C-alpha atoms as a PDB file:
ATOM      1  CA  MET A   1      37.077  77.909 -42.649  1.00  0.00           C
ATOM      2  CA  VAL A   2      39.407  76.090 -40.278  1.00  0.00           C
ATOM      3  CA  ARG A   3      38.815  72.402 -39.962  1.00  0.00           C
ATOM      4  CA  ARG A   4      38.845  71.023 -36.458  1.00  0.00           C
ATOM      5  CA  SER A   5      40.567  67.837 -35.567  1.00  0.00           C
ATOM      6  CA  LEU A   6      38.319  64.811 -35.396  1.00  0.00           C
ATOM      7  CA  ARG A   7      40.513  63.211 -32.802  1.00  0.00           C
ATOM      8  CA  VAL A   8      38.683  61.777 -29.796  1.00  0.00           C
ATOM      9  CA  ARG A   9      39.660  63.367 -26.510  1.00  0.00           C
ATOM     10  CA  ARG A  10      40.624  60.804 -23.936  1.00  0.00           C
ATOM     11  CA  ARG A  11      40.764  61.053 -20.202  1.00  0.00           C
ATOM     12  CA  PRO A  12      44.295  61.154 -18.790  1.00  0.00           C
ATOM     13  CA  ARG A  13      45.337  57.805 -17.354  1.00  0.00           C
ATOM     14  CA  ASN A  14      46.375  59.176 -13.997  1.00  0.00           C
ATOM     15  CA  ARG A  15      42.845  60.317 -13.113  1.00  0.00           C
ATOM     16  CA  ARG A  16      40.689  57.781 -11.331  1.00  0.00           C
ATOM     17  CA  ARG A  17      37.048  57.295 -12.120  1.00  0.00           C
ATOM     18  CA  ARG A  18      34.718  58.145  -9.306  1.00  0.00           C
ATOM     19  CA  TRP A  19      31.550  56.234  -8.688  1.00  0.00           C
ATOM     20  CA  SER A  20      28.331  57.951  -7.871  1.00  0.00           C
ATOM     21  CA  PRO A  21      25.553  56.348  -5.874  1.00  0.00           C
ATOM     22  CA  VAL A  22      22.439  55.780  -7.924  1.00  0.00           C
ATOM     23  CA  ILE A  23      19.930  53.730  -5.969  1.00  0.00           C
ATOM     24  CA  ARG A  24      19.553  51.967  -2.684  1.00  0.00           C
ATOM     25  CA  THR A  25      17.923  48.558  -2.891  1.00  0.00           C
ATOM     26  CA  HIS A  26      17.358  48.295   0.859  1.00  0.00           C
ATOM     27  CA  PRO A  27      18.280  50.559   3.802  1.00  0.00           C
ATOM     28  CA  ASP A  28      20.921  48.015   4.879  1.00  0.00           C
ATOM     29  CA  ASP A  29      22.461  47.736   1.398  1.00  0.00           C
ATOM     30  CA  PRO A  30      25.206  50.024   0.046  1.00  0.00           C
ATOM     31  CA  PRO A  31      24.676  52.561  -2.750  1.00  0.00           C
ATOM     32  CA  LEU A  32      25.036  51.042  -6.230  1.00  0.00           C
ATOM     33  CA  THR A  33      26.679  52.397  -9.355  1.00  0.00           C
ATOM     34  CA  ALA A  34      24.653  52.672 -12.555  1.00  0.00           C
ATOM     35  CA  ALA A  35      26.114  49.427 -13.918  1.00  0.00           C
ATOM     36  CA  GLU A  36      25.427  47.564 -10.687  1.00  0.00           C
ATOM     37  CA  ALA A  37      21.875  48.928 -10.538  1.00  0.00           C
ATOM     38  CA  ALA A  38      21.238  47.750 -14.097  1.00  0.00           C
ATOM     39  CA  ARG A  39      22.585  44.261 -13.338  1.00  0.00           C
ATOM     40  CA  VAL A  40      20.513  44.052 -10.144  1.00  0.00           C
ATOM     41  CA  ALA A  41      17.366  45.086 -12.028  1.00  0.00           C
ATOM     42  CA  TRP A  42      18.083  42.490 -14.729  1.00  0.00           C
ATOM     43  CA  LEU A  43      18.641  39.728 -12.173  1.00  0.00           C
ATOM     44  CA  ILE A  44      15.473  40.606 -10.263  1.00  0.00           C
ATOM     45  CA  ALA A  45      13.496  40.524 -13.525  1.00  0.00           C
ATOM     46  CA  ARG A  46      14.931  37.087 -14.327  1.00  0.00           C
ATOM     47  CA  MET A  47      14.067  35.889 -10.826  1.00  0.00           C
ATOM     48  CA  ALA A  48      10.509  37.151 -11.264  1.00  0.00           C
ATOM     49  CA  LYS A  49      10.236  35.359 -14.584  1.00  0.00           C
ATOM     50  CA  ARG A  50      11.382  32.124 -12.976  1.00  0.00           C
ATOM     51  CA  GLY A  51       8.968  32.733 -10.118  1.00  0.00           C
ATOM     52  CA  VAL A  52       6.099  32.820 -12.590  1.00  0.00           C
ATOM     53  CA  ALA A  53       7.167  29.376 -13.796  1.00  0.00           C
ATOM     54  CA  GLY A  54       6.440  27.913 -10.371  1.00  0.00           C
ATOM     55  CA  ASP A  55       7.645  27.536  -6.817  1.00  0.00           C
ATOM     56  CA  ASP A  56       9.742  24.459  -7.576  1.00  0.00           C
ATOM     57  CA  VAL A  57      12.088  26.362  -9.958  1.00  0.00           C
ATOM     58  CA  ASP A  58      15.618  26.812  -8.584  1.00  0.00           C
ATOM     59  CA  GLN A  59      16.807  30.423  -8.300  1.00  0.00           C
ATOM     60  CA  ARG A  60      19.979  29.896  -6.256  1.00  0.00           C
ATOM     61  CA  ASP A  61      22.295  30.773  -9.145  1.00  0.00           C
ATOM     62  CA  LEU A  62      20.649  34.176  -9.618  1.00  0.00           C
ATOM     63  CA  GLN A  63      20.638  34.804  -5.880  1.00  0.00           C
ATOM     64  CA  ARG A  64      24.392  34.086  -5.724  1.00  0.00           C
ATOM     65  CA  LYS A  65      25.036  36.571  -8.550  1.00  0.00           C
ATOM     66  CA  LEU A  66      22.956  39.200  -6.748  1.00  0.00           C
ATOM     67  CA  ASP A  67      24.798  38.574  -3.475  1.00  0.00           C
ATOM     68  CA  ARG A  68      28.151  38.871  -5.264  1.00  0.00           C
ATOM     69  CA  ILE A  69      27.190  42.284  -6.701  1.00  0.00           C
ATOM     70  CA  LEU A  70      25.994  43.550  -3.309  1.00  0.00           C
ATOM     71  CA  ASP A  71      29.137  42.243  -1.568  1.00  0.00           C
ATOM     72  CA  GLY A  72      31.330  44.105  -4.045  1.00  0.00           C
ATOM     73  CA  ALA A  73      29.332  47.296  -3.492  1.00  0.00           C
ATOM     74  CA  ARG A  74      29.651  46.901   0.295  1.00  0.00           C
ATOM     75  CA  LYS A  75      33.412  46.437   0.005  1.00  0.00           C
ATOM     76  CA  ARG A  76      33.715  49.522  -2.191  1.00  0.00           C
ATOM     77  CA  ALA A  77      31.574  51.581   0.192  1.00  0.00           C
ATOM     78  CA  ASP A  78      33.713  50.493   3.171  1.00  0.00           C
ATOM     79  CA  THR A  79      36.995  51.389   1.473  1.00  0.00           C
ATOM     80  CA  SER A  80      35.720  54.804   0.388  1.00  0.00           C
ATOM     81  CA  LYS A  81      34.909  55.900   3.943  1.00  0.00           C
END
């Protein structure tokens, strides 16, 4: 019986990763990658949790993070066209 190498195969460095659209949050928003979609879902859940605490709870920091993710996705979508 021939033993196979247990070496991990790695992707060549000269190949670029391609993103694939996963979800659309709004018709005006760009398509999101899986990582971006997960971060957006997490931020929305945190915003909902703070919303349960009351209307006087500040959510600007989470909104800025969400806007930053969507701006990066828009920039990526514009450069890929």
